[in-house]
Amino acid sequence: MAYVIKLALLVGLLEGAHAGRGLGHEFLRHCQRARILVHVIDGSSPDPVGDYAAIQTELELFAEDLASKPQACVTLLQLHVSAVSKCCVS
């Protein structure tokens, strides 16, 4: 039996997105189509727990059903974006 997994990388949620800041509503509406939300948090941030809380606040303020979707959180201490880009871009 084969399974198909579709992933969408949604980066850069800004505080105030629920009110239309940045990509705002477009970004959050795109998130509503997902079955599960996986948050990738920068573990080297001065306040990674606060960063996660800010994401949750934006989701709740935009739509309660979005905030109640199944969620997972991944915390990374180092992310070398240039290395990821080089190996994943064809």
C-alpha atoms as a PDB file:
ATOM      1  CA  MET A   1       0.000   0.000   0.000  1.00  0.00           C
ATOM      2  CA  ALA A   2       1.452   3.386  -1.001  1.00  0.00           C
ATOM      3  CA  TYR A   3       0.895   6.581   0.887  1.00  0.00           C
ATOM      4  CA  VAL A   4       1.192  10.060  -0.525  1.00  0.00           C
ATOM      5  CA  ILE A   5       2.341  12.798   1.795  1.00  0.00           C
ATOM      6  CA  LYS A   6       1.997  16.395   0.681  1.00  0.00           C
ATOM      7  CA  LEU A   7       4.011  19.021   2.500  1.00  0.00           C
ATOM      8  CA  ALA A   8       3.883  22.768   2.253  1.00  0.00           C
ATOM      9  CA  LEU A   9       6.543  24.959   3.768  1.00  0.00           C
ATOM     10  CA  LEU A  10       4.962  28.067   5.189  1.00  0.00           C
ATOM     11  CA  VAL A  11       7.636  30.346   6.537  1.00  0.00           C
ATOM     12  CA  GLY A  12       7.583  33.729   8.150  1.00  0.00           C
ATOM     13  CA  LEU A  13       4.405  34.024  10.180  1.00  0.00           C
ATOM     14  CA  LEU A  14       4.509  37.562  11.540  1.00  0.00           C
ATOM     15  CA  GLU A  15       2.904  38.842  14.694  1.00  0.00           C
ATOM     16  CA  GLY A  16      -0.225  40.607  13.508  1.00  0.00           C
ATOM     17  CA  ALA A  17      -0.832  38.176  10.639  1.00  0.00           C
ATOM     18  CA  HIS A  18      -4.376  37.601  11.912  1.00  0.00           C
ATOM     19  CA  ALA A  19      -5.001  41.299  11.237  1.00  0.00           C
ATOM     20  CA  GLY A  20      -3.493  41.151   7.745  1.00  0.00           C
ATOM     21  CA  ARG A  21       0.138  42.082   8.506  1.00  0.00           C
ATOM     22  CA  GLY A  22       2.626  40.689   5.977  1.00  0.00           C
ATOM     23  CA  LEU A  23       0.999  37.943   3.930  1.00  0.00           C
ATOM     24  CA  GLY A  24      -1.471  37.736   6.806  1.00  0.00           C
ATOM     25  CA  HIS A  25      -4.796  36.324   5.717  1.00  0.00           C
ATOM     26  CA  GLU A  26      -3.395  34.666   2.574  1.00  0.00           C
ATOM     27  CA  PHE A  27      -0.827  32.818   4.670  1.00  0.00           C
ATOM     28  CA  LEU A  28      -3.309  31.726   7.325  1.00  0.00           C
ATOM     29  CA  ARG A  29      -5.950  30.638   4.799  1.00  0.00           C
ATOM     30  CA  HIS A  30      -3.284  28.475   3.175  1.00  0.00           C
ATOM     31  CA  CYS A  31      -2.630  26.891   6.598  1.00  0.00           C
ATOM     32  CA  GLN A  32      -6.331  26.071   6.926  1.00  0.00           C
ATOM     33  CA  ARG A  33      -6.042  23.572   4.061  1.00  0.00           C
ATOM     34  CA  ALA A  34      -3.509  21.470   5.984  1.00  0.00           C
ATOM     35  CA  ARG A  35      -4.556  18.426   8.020  1.00  0.00           C
ATOM     36  CA  ILE A  36      -1.709  18.851  10.493  1.00  0.00           C
ATOM     37  CA  LEU A  37       0.542  21.790  11.307  1.00  0.00           C
ATOM     38  CA  VAL A  38       4.212  21.140  12.017  1.00  0.00           C
ATOM     39  CA  HIS A  39       5.968  24.115  13.546  1.00  0.00           C
ATOM     40  CA  VAL A  40       9.737  24.431  13.166  1.00  0.00           C
ATOM     41  CA  ILE A  41      11.058  26.652  15.936  1.00  0.00           C
ATOM     42  CA  ASP A  42      14.551  28.146  16.131  1.00  0.00           C
ATOM     43  CA  GLY A  43      15.959  26.660  19.325  1.00  0.00           C
ATOM     44  CA  SER A  44      18.721  29.276  19.412  1.00  0.00           C
ATOM     45  CA  SER A  45      16.150  32.056  19.719  1.00  0.00           C
ATOM     46  CA  PRO A  46      16.279  33.954  23.013  1.00  0.00           C
ATOM     47  CA  ASP A  47      12.712  32.740  23.696  1.00  0.00           C
ATOM     48  CA  PRO A  48      11.679  29.659  21.660  1.00  0.00           C
ATOM     49  CA  VAL A  49       8.727  28.991  23.977  1.00  0.00           C
ATOM     50  CA  GLY A  50       7.549  32.554  23.447  1.00  0.00           C
ATOM     51  CA  ASP A  51       7.967  32.126  19.685  1.00  0.00           C
ATOM     52  CA  TYR A  52       5.711  29.066  19.788  1.00  0.00           C
ATOM     53  CA  ALA A  53       3.182  30.923  21.956  1.00  0.00           C
ATOM     54  CA  ALA A  54       3.137  33.792  19.433  1.00  0.00           C
ATOM     55  CA  ILE A  55       2.328  31.327  16.633  1.00  0.00           C
ATOM     56  CA  GLN A  56      -0.508  29.840  18.680  1.00  0.00           C
ATOM     57  CA  THR A  57      -1.875  33.307  19.405  1.00  0.00           C
ATOM     58  CA  GLU A  58      -1.928  34.205  15.706  1.00  0.00           C
ATOM     59  CA  LEU A  59      -3.701  30.951  14.841  1.00  0.00           C
ATOM     60  CA  GLU A  60      -6.310  31.456  17.582  1.00  0.00           C
ATOM     61  CA  LEU A  61      -6.934  35.097  16.685  1.00  0.00           C
ATOM     62  CA  PHE A  62      -7.421  34.221  13.021  1.00  0.00           C
ATOM     63  CA  ALA A  63      -9.674  31.180  13.464  1.00  0.00           C
ATOM     64  CA  GLU A  64     -10.273  28.890  16.433  1.00  0.00           C
ATOM     65  CA  ASP A  65     -10.641  25.867  14.133  1.00  0.00           C
ATOM     66  CA  LEU A  66      -7.136  26.520  12.797  1.00  0.00           C
ATOM     67  CA  ALA A  67      -5.675  26.559  16.298  1.00  0.00           C
ATOM     68  CA  SER A  68      -7.449  23.298  17.141  1.00  0.00           C
ATOM     69  CA  LYS A  69      -5.876  21.321  14.244  1.00  0.00           C
ATOM     70  CA  PRO A  70      -3.434  18.554  15.171  1.00  0.00           C
ATOM     71  CA  GLN A  71      -0.008  20.101  15.633  1.00  0.00           C
ATOM     72  CA  ALA A  72       3.576  19.061  16.182  1.00  0.00           C
ATOM     73  CA  CYS A  73       6.555  21.171  17.130  1.00  0.00           C
ATOM     74  CA  VAL A  74      10.144  20.604  16.020  1.00  0.00           C
ATOM     75  CA  THR A  75      12.895  22.658  17.637  1.00  0.00           C
ATOM     76  CA  LEU A  76      16.170  23.012  15.769  1.00  0.00           C
ATOM     77  CA  LEU A  77      19.319  24.377  17.344  1.00  0.00           C
ATOM     78  CA  GLN A  78      21.114  24.974  14.053  1.00  0.00           C
ATOM     79  CA  LEU A  79      19.678  25.186  10.592  1.00  0.00           C
ATOM     80  CA  HIS A  80      22.028  25.677   7.701  1.00  0.00           C
ATOM     81  CA  VAL A  81      19.655  26.870   5.015  1.00  0.00           C
ATOM     82  CA  SER A  82      22.354  27.146   2.347  1.00  0.00           C
ATOM     83  CA  ALA A  83      23.250  23.462   2.826  1.00  0.00           C
ATOM     84  CA  VAL A  84      19.576  22.451   2.600  1.00  0.00           C
ATOM     85  CA  SER A  85      19.076  24.549  -0.507  1.00  0.00           C
ATOM     86  CA  LYS A  86      22.073  23.039  -2.265  1.00  0.00           C
ATOM     87  CA  CYS A  87      21.019  19.429  -1.656  1.00  0.00           C
ATOM     88  CA  CYS A  88      17.306  19.878  -2.348  1.00  0.00           C
ATOM     89  CA  VAL A  89      17.263  22.116  -5.404  1.00  0.00           C
ATOM     90  CA  SER A  90      17.596  20.348  -8.719  1.00  0.00           C
END
